[in-house]
C-alpha atoms as a PDB file:
ATOM      1  CA  MET A   1      19.595  -4.383  50.506  1.00  0.00           C
ATOM      2  CA  ALA A   2      16.684  -5.893  48.714  1.00  0.00           C
ATOM      3  CA  ARG A   3      17.463  -6.844  44.818  1.00  0.00           C
ATOM      4  CA  HIS A   4      14.690  -5.303  42.544  1.00  0.00           C
ATOM      5  CA  PRO A   5      14.069  -6.849  39.367  1.00  0.00           C
ATOM      6  CA  LYS A   6      15.284  -4.403  36.771  1.00  0.00           C
ATOM      7  CA  LYS A   7      13.414  -5.200  33.166  1.00  0.00           C
ATOM      8  CA  LEU A   8      15.289  -4.630  29.492  1.00  0.00           C
ATOM      9  CA  PRO A   9      14.760  -4.741  26.315  1.00  0.00           C
ATOM     10  CA  GLN A  10      14.981  -8.152  25.213  1.00  0.00           C
ATOM     11  CA  LYS A  11      17.048  -9.582  21.797  1.00  0.00           C
ATOM     12  CA  PRO A  12      14.513 -10.447  18.816  1.00  0.00           C
ATOM     13  CA  THR A  13      14.413 -13.981  18.717  1.00  0.00           C
ATOM     14  CA  PRO A  14      13.380 -15.992  15.989  1.00  0.00           C
ATOM     15  CA  THR A  15       9.717 -16.833  15.535  1.00  0.00           C
ATOM     16  CA  GLN A  16       9.833 -19.426  13.118  1.00  0.00           C
ATOM     17  CA  GLU A  17      11.031 -22.648  13.501  1.00  0.00           C
ATOM     18  CA  ARG A  18      14.143 -23.997  11.123  1.00  0.00           C
ATOM     19  CA  ILE A  19      14.940 -26.802   9.410  1.00  0.00           C
ATOM     20  CA  TRP A  20      18.587 -28.741  10.213  1.00  0.00           C
ATOM     21  CA  THR A  21      19.118 -31.585   7.521  1.00  0.00           C
ATOM     22  CA  GLY A  22      22.260 -34.206   8.208  1.00  0.00           C
ATOM     23  CA  THR A  23      23.177 -37.015   6.614  1.00  0.00           C
ATOM     24  CA  ILE A  24      24.488 -40.302   8.939  1.00  0.00           C
ATOM     25  CA  GLN A  25      28.264 -40.726   8.872  1.00  0.00           C
ATOM     26  CA  THR A  26      29.905 -44.763   8.858  1.00  0.00           C
ATOM     27  CA  ALA A  27      31.225 -43.970  12.103  1.00  0.00           C
ATOM     28  CA  ASP A  28      27.663 -42.907  13.675  1.00  0.00           C
ATOM     29  CA  ALA A  29      25.519 -45.508  12.077  1.00  0.00           C
ATOM     30  CA  TYR A  30      26.432 -47.684  15.027  1.00  0.00           C
ATOM     31  CA  ASP A  31      25.691 -45.152  17.611  1.00  0.00           C
ATOM     32  CA  ARG A  32      22.186 -44.452  19.064  1.00  0.00           C
ATOM     33  CA  ALA A  33      20.196 -41.968  17.297  1.00  0.00           C
ATOM     34  CA  ASP A  34      19.973 -39.337  19.793  1.00  0.00           C
ATOM     35  CA  VAL A  35      23.810 -39.746  20.562  1.00  0.00           C
ATOM     36  CA  ALA A  36      24.747 -40.026  16.563  1.00  0.00           C
ATOM     37  CA  LEU A  37      22.591 -36.864  16.318  1.00  0.00           C
ATOM     38  CA  ALA A  38      23.704 -34.778  19.013  1.00  0.00           C
ATOM     39  CA  ARG A  39      27.332 -35.040  17.574  1.00  0.00           C
ATOM     40  CA  LEU A  40      26.193 -34.296  14.404  1.00  0.00           C
ATOM     41  CA  SER A  41      23.999 -31.181  14.543  1.00  0.00           C
ATOM     42  CA  GLY A  42      26.301 -29.934  17.749  1.00  0.00           C
ATOM     43  CA  GLU A  43      22.296 -29.510  19.590  1.00  0.00           C
ATOM     44  CA  SER A  44      22.831 -30.844  22.905  1.00  0.00           C
ATOM     45  CA  ARG A  45      21.299 -34.737  23.043  1.00  0.00           C
ATOM     46  CA  SER A  46      18.847 -33.467  25.798  1.00  0.00           C
ATOM     47  CA  ARG A  47      16.659 -31.130  23.271  1.00  0.00           C
ATOM     48  CA  ILE A  48      17.446 -33.862  20.835  1.00  0.00           C
ATOM     49  CA  GLN A  49      15.033 -36.346  22.804  1.00  0.00           C
ATOM     50  CA  GLN A  50      12.599 -33.895  23.757  1.00  0.00           C
ATOM     51  CA  TRP A  51      12.371 -32.949  19.669  1.00  0.00           C
ATOM     52  CA  MET A  52      12.264 -37.040  19.078  1.00  0.00           C
ATOM     53  CA  LYS A  53       9.351 -36.915  21.841  1.00  0.00           C
ATOM     54  CA  GLN A  54       7.578 -34.284  20.085  1.00  0.00           C
ATOM     55  CA  GLY A  55       8.159 -35.842  16.447  1.00  0.00           C
ATOM     56  CA  LEU A  56      10.086 -33.213  15.470  1.00  0.00           C
ATOM     57  CA  VAL A  57      12.866 -35.641  13.882  1.00  0.00           C
ATOM     58  CA  THR A  58      12.251 -37.887  10.887  1.00  0.00           C
ATOM     59  CA  LEU A  59      13.651 -39.726   7.969  1.00  0.00           C
ATOM     60  CA  GLY A  60      11.598 -39.112   5.157  1.00  0.00           C
ATOM     61  CA  SER A  61       8.320 -39.653   6.652  1.00  0.00           C
ATOM     62  CA  LYS A  62       9.315 -41.876   9.508  1.00  0.00           C
ATOM     63  CA  PRO A  63       9.550 -40.311  12.969  1.00  0.00           C
ATOM     64  CA  VAL A  64      13.508 -41.056  14.619  1.00  0.00           C
ATOM     65  CA  GLY A  65      13.545 -42.207  18.520  1.00  0.00           C
ATOM     66  CA  PRO A  66      16.057 -42.167  20.865  1.00  0.00           C
ATOM     67  CA  ARG A  67      17.181 -45.533  20.606  1.00  0.00           C
ATOM     68  CA  ASP A  68      17.260 -46.130  16.887  1.00  0.00           C
ATOM     69  CA  ARG A  69      19.920 -46.792  15.070  1.00  0.00           C
ATOM     70  CA  LEU A  70      20.924 -44.945  11.793  1.00  0.00           C
ATOM     71  CA  THR A  71      22.556 -46.540   8.395  1.00  0.00           C
ATOM     72  CA  ALA A  72      25.366 -44.793   6.920  1.00  0.00           C
ATOM     73  CA  GLU A  73      24.526 -41.962   4.262  1.00  0.00           C
ATOM     74  CA  SER A  74      20.946 -42.035   5.056  1.00  0.00           C
ATOM     75  CA  SER A  75      19.099 -38.178   5.719  1.00  0.00           C
ATOM     76  CA  VAL A  76      17.910 -36.972   8.735  1.00  0.00           C
ATOM     77  CA  SER A  77      15.760 -33.865   8.956  1.00  0.00           C
ATOM     78  CA  ILE A  78      15.339 -31.629  12.360  1.00  0.00           C
ATOM     79  CA  ARG A  79      12.690 -29.581  12.756  1.00  0.00           C
ATOM     80  CA  ILE A  80      14.083 -26.737  14.640  1.00  0.00           C
ATOM     81  CA  PRO A  81      11.068 -24.808  17.048  1.00  0.00           C
ATOM     82  CA  PRO A  82      11.523 -21.226  18.208  1.00  0.00           C
ATOM     83  CA  PRO A  83      13.034 -21.142  21.055  1.00  0.00           C
ATOM     84  CA  PRO A  84      10.488 -19.980  24.197  1.00  0.00           C
ATOM     85  CA  ALA A  85       9.723 -17.546  25.669  1.00  0.00           C
ATOM     86  CA  ARG A  86      12.179 -16.160  28.155  1.00  0.00           C
ATOM     87  CA  ASP A  87      11.091 -17.017  32.603  1.00  0.00           C
ATOM     88  CA  VAL A  88      13.846 -15.044  34.251  1.00  0.00           C
ATOM     89  CA  THR A  89      13.693 -11.395  34.572  1.00  0.00           C
ATOM     90  CA  PRO A  90      16.825 -10.010  34.209  1.00  0.00           C
ATOM     91  CA  GLU A  91      18.185  -8.386  38.624  1.00  0.00           C
ATOM     92  CA  SER A  92      21.027  -5.617  39.184  1.00  0.00           C
ATOM     93  CA  ILE A  93      23.720  -8.141  40.553  1.00  0.00           C
ATOM     94  CA  PRO A  94      27.322  -7.447  40.941  1.00  0.00           C
ATOM     95  CA  LEU A  95      29.240 -10.275  38.792  1.00  0.00           C
ATOM     96  CA  GLU A  96      32.788 -11.234  38.821  1.00  0.00           C
ATOM     97  CA  ILE A  97      33.786 -11.513  35.330  1.00  0.00           C
ATOM     98  CA  LEU A  98      37.593 -12.465  34.029  1.00  0.00           C
ATOM     99  CA  HIS A  99      37.194 -12.679  30.788  1.00  0.00           C
ATOM    100  CA  GLU A 100      33.835 -10.855  28.794  1.00  0.00           C
ATOM    101  CA  ASP A 101      33.979 -10.951  24.486  1.00  0.00           C
ATOM    102  CA  THR A 102      31.081 -10.956  21.531  1.00  0.00           C
ATOM    103  CA  ASP A 103      30.635 -14.422  22.551  1.00  0.00           C
ATOM    104  CA  VAL A 104      31.561 -15.448  25.595  1.00  0.00           C
ATOM    105  CA  LEU A 105      31.708 -14.380  28.979  1.00  0.00           C
ATOM    106  CA  VAL A 106      33.832 -15.931  31.963  1.00  0.00           C
ATOM    107  CA  ILE A 107      32.495 -15.867  35.661  1.00  0.00           C
ATOM    108  CA  ASN A 108      33.435 -16.251  39.382  1.00  0.00           C
ATOM    109  CA  LYS A 109      30.515 -17.523  40.949  1.00  0.00           C
ATOM    110  CA  PRO A 110      29.872 -16.648  44.580  1.00  0.00           C
ATOM    111  CA  SER A 111      28.709 -18.912  47.113  1.00  0.00           C
ATOM    112  CA  GLY A 112      25.007 -18.575  47.932  1.00  0.00           C
ATOM    113  CA  MET A 113      23.618 -17.823  44.249  1.00  0.00           C
ATOM    114  CA  HIS A 114      22.081 -20.225  41.778  1.00  0.00           C
ATOM    115  CA  VAL A 115      22.938 -20.791  38.726  1.00  0.00           C
ATOM    116  CA  HIS A 116      19.038 -20.845  37.892  1.00  0.00           C
ATOM    117  CA  PRO A 117      16.189 -20.087  39.337  1.00  0.00           C
ATOM    118  CA  GLY A 118      13.811 -23.250  40.470  1.00  0.00           C
ATOM    119  CA  ALA A 119      10.817 -23.767  42.760  1.00  0.00           C
ATOM    120  CA  GLY A 120      10.947 -21.725  45.912  1.00  0.00           C
ATOM    121  CA  ARG A 121      14.208 -20.005  44.313  1.00  0.00           C
ATOM    122  CA  PRO A 122      12.399 -17.074  41.431  1.00  0.00           C
ATOM    123  CA  THR A 123      15.481 -14.552  41.766  1.00  0.00           C
ATOM    124  CA  GLY A 124      19.009 -14.258  42.791  1.00  0.00           C
ATOM    125  CA  SER A 125      20.117 -16.463  40.163  1.00  0.00           C
ATOM    126  CA  LEU A 126      23.242 -16.218  37.706  1.00  0.00           C
ATOM    127  CA  ALA A 127      20.807 -15.895  34.878  1.00  0.00           C
ATOM    128  CA  ALA A 128      19.704 -13.265  36.203  1.00  0.00           C
ATOM    129  CA  ALA A 129      22.777 -11.073  36.627  1.00  0.00           C
ATOM    130  CA  LEU A 130      23.908 -12.009  33.068  1.00  0.00           C
ATOM    131  CA  LEU A 131      20.705 -11.115  31.585  1.00  0.00           C
ATOM    132  CA  HIS A 132      21.309  -7.917  33.280  1.00  0.00           C
ATOM    133  CA  HIS A 133      24.659  -7.412  32.413  1.00  0.00           C
ATOM    134  CA  CYS A 134      24.581  -8.495  28.410  1.00  0.00           C
ATOM    135  CA  GLU A 135      20.790  -6.293  28.390  1.00  0.00           C
ATOM    136  CA  GLY A 136      19.533  -9.397  27.393  1.00  0.00           C
ATOM    137  CA  LYS A 137      21.403 -10.664  24.276  1.00  0.00           C
ATOM    138  CA  LEU A 138      22.415 -14.203  25.391  1.00  0.00           C
ATOM    139  CA  ALA A 139      22.054 -17.257  24.050  1.00  0.00           C
ATOM    140  CA  PRO A 140      18.042 -18.649  24.238  1.00  0.00           C
ATOM    141  CA  GLY A 141      19.658 -21.996  23.719  1.00  0.00           C
ATOM    142  CA  GLY A 142      19.784 -23.252  27.474  1.00  0.00           C
ATOM    143  CA  GLY A 143      16.032 -23.284  27.886  1.00  0.00           C
ATOM    144  CA  PRO A 144      13.953 -20.165  28.563  1.00  0.00           C
ATOM    145  CA  ASP A 145      15.208 -20.043  32.381  1.00  0.00           C
ATOM    146  CA  ARG A 146      18.873 -20.308  32.068  1.00  0.00           C
ATOM    147  CA  PRO A 147      19.353 -18.131  29.045  1.00  0.00           C
ATOM    148  CA  GLY A 148      23.442 -18.228  28.116  1.00  0.00           C
ATOM    149  CA  ILE A 149      24.130 -21.226  31.038  1.00  0.00           C
ATOM    150  CA  VAL A 150      26.580 -23.567  29.621  1.00  0.00           C
ATOM    151  CA  HIS A 151      27.179 -25.546  32.357  1.00  0.00           C
ATOM    152  CA  ARG A 152      26.596 -25.667  36.265  1.00  0.00           C
ATOM    153  CA  LEU A 153      28.001 -24.830  39.992  1.00  0.00           C
ATOM    154  CA  ASP A 154      25.795 -26.233  43.048  1.00  0.00           C
ATOM    155  CA  ARG A 155      24.766 -22.905  44.841  1.00  0.00           C
ATOM    156  CA  GLU A 156      26.988 -23.508  47.823  1.00  0.00           C
ATOM    157  CA  THR A 157      29.966 -23.964  45.222  1.00  0.00           C
ATOM    158  CA  THR A 158      32.004 -21.503  43.976  1.00  0.00           C
ATOM    159  CA  GLY A 159      34.296 -20.598  41.164  1.00  0.00           C
ATOM    160  CA  LEU A 160      34.475 -20.517  37.232  1.00  0.00           C
ATOM    161  CA  LEU A 161      31.983 -20.612  34.705  1.00  0.00           C
ATOM    162  CA  VAL A 162      32.139 -19.567  31.020  1.00  0.00           C
ATOM    163  CA  ALA A 163      28.249 -18.642  29.553  1.00  0.00           C
ATOM    164  CA  ALA A 164      27.749 -17.986  25.970  1.00  0.00           C
ATOM    165  CA  LYS A 165      26.437 -14.938  24.388  1.00  0.00           C
ATOM    166  CA  ASN A 166      25.116 -16.580  21.466  1.00  0.00           C
ATOM    167  CA  ASP A 167      23.337 -19.449  20.120  1.00  0.00           C
ATOM    168  CA  ALA A 168      26.739 -20.835  18.320  1.00  0.00           C
ATOM    169  CA  ALA A 169      28.467 -19.951  21.244  1.00  0.00           C
ATOM    170  CA  HIS A 170      26.312 -22.220  22.992  1.00  0.00           C
ATOM    171  CA  ARG A 171      26.200 -24.677  20.705  1.00  0.00           C
ATOM    172  CA  GLU A 172      29.772 -25.281  20.594  1.00  0.00           C
ATOM    173  CA  LEU A 173      31.047 -24.909  24.630  1.00  0.00           C
ATOM    174  CA  SER A 174      28.165 -27.447  24.530  1.00  0.00           C
ATOM    175  CA  ARG A 175      29.558 -29.930  22.845  1.00  0.00           C
ATOM    176  CA  GLN A 176      33.182 -29.609  24.104  1.00  0.00           C
ATOM    177  CA  PHE A 177      31.454 -29.932  27.421  1.00  0.00           C
ATOM    178  CA  ARG A 178      29.234 -33.649  26.058  1.00  0.00           C
ATOM    179  CA  GLU A 179      32.840 -34.709  24.171  1.00  0.00           C
ATOM    180  CA  ARG A 180      34.809 -33.918  27.797  1.00  0.00           C
ATOM    181  CA  GLU A 181      37.462 -31.682  25.886  1.00  0.00           C
ATOM    182  CA  THR A 182      36.981 -29.147  28.680  1.00  0.00           C
ATOM    183  CA  GLU A 183      39.345 -29.294  32.037  1.00  0.00           C
ATOM    184  CA  LYS A 184      37.613 -28.408  35.035  1.00  0.00           C
ATOM    185  CA  THR A 185      39.773 -28.628  38.202  1.00  0.00           C
ATOM    186  CA  TYR A 186      38.467 -28.112  41.239  1.00  0.00           C
ATOM    187  CA  LEU A 187      39.821 -28.108  44.896  1.00  0.00           C
ATOM    188  CA  ALA A 188      38.150 -29.519  48.001  1.00  0.00           C
ATOM    189  CA  PHE A 189      38.298 -29.676  51.633  1.00  0.00           C
ATOM    190  CA  VAL A 190      37.665 -32.974  52.782  1.00  0.00           C
ATOM    191  CA  LEU A 191      37.498 -34.506  56.556  1.00  0.00           C
ATOM    192  CA  GLY A 192      40.346 -37.189  56.765  1.00  0.00           C
ATOM    193  CA  ARG A 193      42.819 -38.363  53.959  1.00  0.00           C
ATOM    194  CA  PRO A 194      41.911 -39.975  51.278  1.00  0.00           C
ATOM    195  CA  ARG A 195      43.904 -43.713  51.009  1.00  0.00           C
ATOM    196  CA  GLY A 196      47.354 -43.105  48.839  1.00  0.00           C
ATOM    197  CA  ASP A 197      48.870 -39.293  47.959  1.00  0.00           C
ATOM    198  CA  ALA A 198      46.871 -39.505  44.516  1.00  0.00           C
ATOM    199  CA  GLY A 199      44.189 -41.701  43.040  1.00  0.00           C
ATOM    200  CA  THR A 200      40.742 -41.876  40.503  1.00  0.00           C
ATOM    201  CA  TRP A 201      37.256 -42.259  41.832  1.00  0.00           C
ATOM    202  CA  GLU A 202      35.666 -44.206  39.407  1.00  0.00           C
ATOM    203  CA  GLY A 203      31.480 -44.834  41.332  1.00  0.00           C
ATOM    204  CA  SER A 204      28.677 -44.815  38.994  1.00  0.00           C
ATOM    205  CA  ILE A 205      26.740 -41.886  40.122  1.00  0.00           C
ATOM    206  CA  GLY A 206      22.763 -41.996  40.507  1.00  0.00           C
ATOM    207  CA  ARG A 207      19.721 -40.762  42.214  1.00  0.00           C
ATOM    208  CA  HIS A 208      19.748 -41.880  46.199  1.00  0.00           C
ATOM    209  CA  PRO A 209      16.635 -44.458  46.394  1.00  0.00           C
ATOM    210  CA  VAL A 210      14.895 -43.500  49.231  1.00  0.00           C
ATOM    211  CA  ILE A 211      16.358 -39.440  49.356  1.00  0.00           C
ATOM    212  CA  ARG A 212      15.369 -38.007  46.376  1.00  0.00           C
ATOM    213  CA  GLN A 213      16.841 -34.844  46.695  1.00  0.00           C
ATOM    214  CA  ARG A 214      20.285 -36.838  47.002  1.00  0.00           C
ATOM    215  CA  MET A 215      23.094 -38.490  44.332  1.00  0.00           C
ATOM    216  CA  ALA A 216      24.484 -41.588  45.582  1.00  0.00           C
ATOM    217  CA  VAL A 217      26.757 -43.860  44.288  1.00  0.00           C
ATOM    218  CA  ARG A 218      25.298 -46.526  42.506  1.00  0.00           C
ATOM    219  CA  THR A 219      25.488 -49.659  39.876  1.00  0.00           C
ATOM    220  CA  ARG A 220      22.886 -48.916  37.909  1.00  0.00           C
ATOM    221  CA  GLY A 221      24.089 -45.351  37.643  1.00  0.00           C
ATOM    222  CA  ARG A 222      25.981 -42.642  34.640  1.00  0.00           C
ATOM    223  CA  THR A 223      29.270 -43.179  34.407  1.00  0.00           C
ATOM    224  CA  ALA A 224      31.724 -41.161  36.390  1.00  0.00           C
ATOM    225  CA  LYS A 225      34.934 -40.109  37.028  1.00  0.00           C
ATOM    226  CA  THR A 226      36.723 -38.247  39.165  1.00  0.00           C
ATOM    227  CA  ASP A 227      40.915 -37.653  39.817  1.00  0.00           C
ATOM    228  CA  TRP A 228      41.986 -36.304  42.418  1.00  0.00           C
ATOM    229  CA  LYS A 229      45.654 -35.627  44.548  1.00  0.00           C
ATOM    230  CA  ILE A 230      46.501 -34.767  48.204  1.00  0.00           C
ATOM    231  CA  VAL A 231      47.704 -30.661  48.170  1.00  0.00           C
ATOM    232  CA  SER A 232      48.227 -30.945  51.750  1.00  0.00           C
ATOM    233  CA  CYS A 233      47.339 -32.647  54.921  1.00  0.00           C
ATOM    234  CA  TRP A 234      46.623 -31.865  58.913  1.00  0.00           C
ATOM    235  CA  PRO A 235      45.222 -34.252  61.673  1.00  0.00           C
ATOM    236  CA  GLY A 236      41.286 -34.782  60.436  1.00  0.00           C
ATOM    237  CA  ALA A 237      41.276 -33.240  56.735  1.00  0.00           C
ATOM    238  CA  SER A 238      42.891 -32.791  54.073  1.00  0.00           C
ATOM    239  CA  LEU A 239      43.262 -30.236  51.235  1.00  0.00           C
ATOM    240  CA  LEU A 240      42.372 -32.013  47.968  1.00  0.00           C
ATOM    241  CA  GLU A 241      42.746 -30.688  44.120  1.00  0.00           C
ATOM    242  CA  LEU A 242      40.502 -32.520  42.145  1.00  0.00           C
ATOM    243  CA  GLN A 243      39.646 -32.870  38.108  1.00  0.00           C
ATOM    244  CA  LEU A 244      36.846 -33.633  36.553  1.00  0.00           C
ATOM    245  CA  HIS A 245      36.513 -36.494  33.087  1.00  0.00           C
ATOM    246  CA  THR A 246      32.236 -36.234  33.595  1.00  0.00           C
ATOM    247  CA  GLY A 247      30.046 -33.933  34.746  1.00  0.00           C
ATOM    248  CA  ARG A 248      27.698 -35.535  36.836  1.00  0.00           C
ATOM    249  CA  THR A 249      25.299 -34.020  39.634  1.00  0.00           C
ATOM    250  CA  HIS A 250      26.951 -33.513  42.971  1.00  0.00           C
ATOM    251  CA  GLN A 251      29.854 -35.699  41.684  1.00  0.00           C
ATOM    252  CA  ILE A 252      32.842 -34.674  43.919  1.00  0.00           C
ATOM    253  CA  ARG A 253      30.350 -34.406  46.674  1.00  0.00           C
ATOM    254  CA  VAL A 254      29.573 -37.997  46.424  1.00  0.00           C
ATOM    255  CA  HIS A 255      32.659 -39.905  45.362  1.00  0.00           C
ATOM    256  CA  ALA A 256      34.930 -37.931  48.431  1.00  0.00           C
ATOM    257  CA  SER A 257      31.634 -39.033  50.602  1.00  0.00           C
ATOM    258  CA  ALA A 258      31.472 -42.736  49.710  1.00  0.00           C
ATOM    259  CA  ALA A 259      35.582 -42.877  49.105  1.00  0.00           C
ATOM    260  CA  GLY A 260      35.178 -41.967  53.430  1.00  0.00           C
ATOM    261  CA  CYS A 261      36.177 -38.138  53.226  1.00  0.00           C
ATOM    262  CA  PRO A 262      33.219 -36.182  52.639  1.00  0.00           C
ATOM    263  CA  VAL A 263      33.900 -32.270  51.169  1.00  0.00           C
ATOM    264  CA  ALA A 264      34.012 -30.454  54.302  1.00  0.00           C
ATOM    265  CA  GLY A 265      30.713 -28.345  55.487  1.00  0.00           C
ATOM    266  CA  ASP A 266      29.082 -30.446  53.404  1.00  0.00           C
ATOM    267  CA  ALA A 267      25.798 -31.151  55.635  1.00  0.00           C
ATOM    268  CA  VAL A 268      24.155 -33.258  52.858  1.00  0.00           C
ATOM    269  CA  TYR A 269      27.217 -36.003  52.230  1.00  0.00           C
ATOM    270  CA  GLY A 270      28.697 -36.079  55.726  1.00  0.00           C
ATOM    271  CA  GLY A 271      30.404 -33.420  56.107  1.00  0.00           C
ATOM    272  CA  THR A 272      29.981 -31.601  59.397  1.00  0.00           C
ATOM    273  CA  ASN A 273      31.289 -32.815  62.770  1.00  0.00           C
ATOM    274  CA  PRO A 274      33.154 -31.169  65.472  1.00  0.00           C
ATOM    275  CA  LEU A 275      35.823 -29.416  63.185  1.00  0.00           C
ATOM    276  CA  THR A 276      33.988 -27.898  61.478  1.00  0.00           C
ATOM    277  CA  ARG A 277      31.663 -26.510  63.769  1.00  0.00           C
ATOM    278  CA  ALA A 278      34.343 -25.439  66.016  1.00  0.00           C
ATOM    279  CA  ALA A 279      36.070 -23.736  62.715  1.00  0.00           C
ATOM    280  CA  LYS A 280      32.569 -22.353  61.786  1.00  0.00           C
ATOM    281  CA  VAL A 281      32.821 -23.799  58.450  1.00  0.00           C
ATOM    282  CA  PRO A 282      30.023 -21.745  56.735  1.00  0.00           C
ATOM    283  CA  ARG A 283      29.784 -24.246  53.448  1.00  0.00           C
ATOM    284  CA  GLN A 284      30.723 -27.058  51.391  1.00  0.00           C
ATOM    285  CA  LEU A 285      34.693 -25.597  50.548  1.00  0.00           C
ATOM    286  CA  LEU A 286      34.604 -26.684  47.141  1.00  0.00           C
ATOM    287  CA  HIS A 287      35.828 -23.962  44.424  1.00  0.00           C
ATOM    288  CA  ALA A 288      36.531 -24.902  40.322  1.00  0.00           C
ATOM    289  CA  TYR A 289      39.726 -22.432  40.718  1.00  0.00           C
ATOM    290  CA  ARG A 290      40.423 -23.700  36.765  1.00  0.00           C
ATOM    291  CA  LEU A 291      38.607 -23.878  33.626  1.00  0.00           C
ATOM    292  CA  SER A 292      39.795 -24.464  30.244  1.00  0.00           C
ATOM    293  CA  PHE A 293      38.239 -24.236  27.068  1.00  0.00           C
ATOM    294  CA  THR A 294      38.303 -23.826  23.252  1.00  0.00           C
ATOM    295  CA  HIS A 295      37.141 -20.507  22.501  1.00  0.00           C
ATOM    296  CA  PRO A 296      34.140 -21.381  20.246  1.00  0.00           C
ATOM    297  CA  LYS A 297      35.042 -18.666  17.606  1.00  0.00           C
ATOM    298  CA  THR A 298      38.502 -18.129  16.993  1.00  0.00           C
ATOM    299  CA  GLY A 299      39.997 -21.618  18.540  1.00  0.00           C
ATOM    300  CA  GLU A 300      42.146 -20.056  20.513  1.00  0.00           C
ATOM    301  CA  TYR A 301      42.322 -22.398  23.760  1.00  0.00           C
ATOM    302  CA  LEU A 302      42.090 -19.989  27.218  1.00  0.00           C
ATOM    303  CA  SER A 303      42.540 -21.532  30.538  1.00  0.00           C
ATOM    304  CA  PHE A 304      41.847 -19.457  33.477  1.00  0.00           C
ATOM    305  CA  GLU A 305      41.866 -19.756  37.373  1.00  0.00           C
ATOM    306  CA  ALA A 306      40.297 -18.325  40.071  1.00  0.00           C
ATOM    307  CA  PRO A 307      41.911 -18.095  43.670  1.00  0.00           C
ATOM    308  CA  PRO A 308      39.701 -19.590  46.479  1.00  0.00           C
ATOM    309  CA  PRO A 309      37.290 -17.748  48.658  1.00  0.00           C
ATOM    310  CA  ALA A 310      38.253 -16.141  52.275  1.00  0.00           C
ATOM    311  CA  ASP A 311      36.307 -18.948  53.752  1.00  0.00           C
ATOM    312  CA  PHE A 312      39.227 -21.436  51.753  1.00  0.00           C
ATOM    313  CA  ALA A 313      41.862 -19.424  53.901  1.00  0.00           C
ATOM    314  CA  ALA A 314      40.049 -19.296  57.417  1.00  0.00           C
ATOM    315  CA  PHE A 315      39.601 -22.454  57.344  1.00  0.00           C
ATOM    316  CA  GLN A 316      43.038 -23.283  56.408  1.00  0.00           C
ATOM    317  CA  SER A 317      44.490 -20.947  59.371  1.00  0.00           C
ATOM    318  CA  TYR A 318      41.961 -22.733  61.957  1.00  0.00           C
ATOM    319  CA  LEU A 319      43.768 -25.904  60.777  1.00  0.00           C
ATOM    320  CA  ASP A 320      47.317 -24.136  61.137  1.00  0.00           C
ATOM    321  CA  GLU A 321      46.607 -23.655  64.459  1.00  0.00           C
ATOM    322  CA  ARG A 322      44.919 -26.329  66.207  1.00  0.00           C
END
């Protein structure tokens, strides 16, 4: 059935810039300015860097750059511009919501849904579905094309995501993800079996040098750490539980492939073979099944679980019956 985008009233957003002023603490004086100010202000590092490029971050009358080092007790000002107009049209798309209150939503994302719209895929995103469900009342802090979005899952990856309904919730949740205070646990079927029963993958991840749509383990990449343990094994495949300590693009898929046991069904990173074709695996079998974080307003520690979808059970049944 075709989806028909529906225009809904939007929550008014501020039209005036606001000024944030903060004092650099001794513990932050040795860090890069973008890192220190992200920690101090609660804004994302990418937004701080963007404002620095625009000359909106100053020490007195002097612009501050990302790599600058600030002295303790110095006072820094940020001219925070009003949020841009939204580029997402609300769409009536069913959502599986595990939790909702005035500040956050926890969603079980299905396979095939992009988290936010992009080039060549303007409709059908989680952001559009959230805007419709919340009648436009989502935090603009994620950007004009990703209102409410705090973190992402790949299009084919299923499982749990948390979204923010207001800027205060977005800033606090973003800080928790940035400071690695959240817990993200996944299940994945992989081809073959890793060495040992449990371990840690720590290869740094960066853009593939030739295929720009892919990531790869690279010496000059960004630090990445994934803990894994075997849940079950079959000839030719294993079920792993994995916990992320960092949130790099395609992290589990890249680490698993580099370890010689790609995620089953992952055509991008070598996860297709006669076994997956015979079992008619429809996608990369990766599922974010547990998500834990501290509620941004109440301070309560929350933990949610979502069982894997039917394609996980179908592949396991195929392996059991071989």
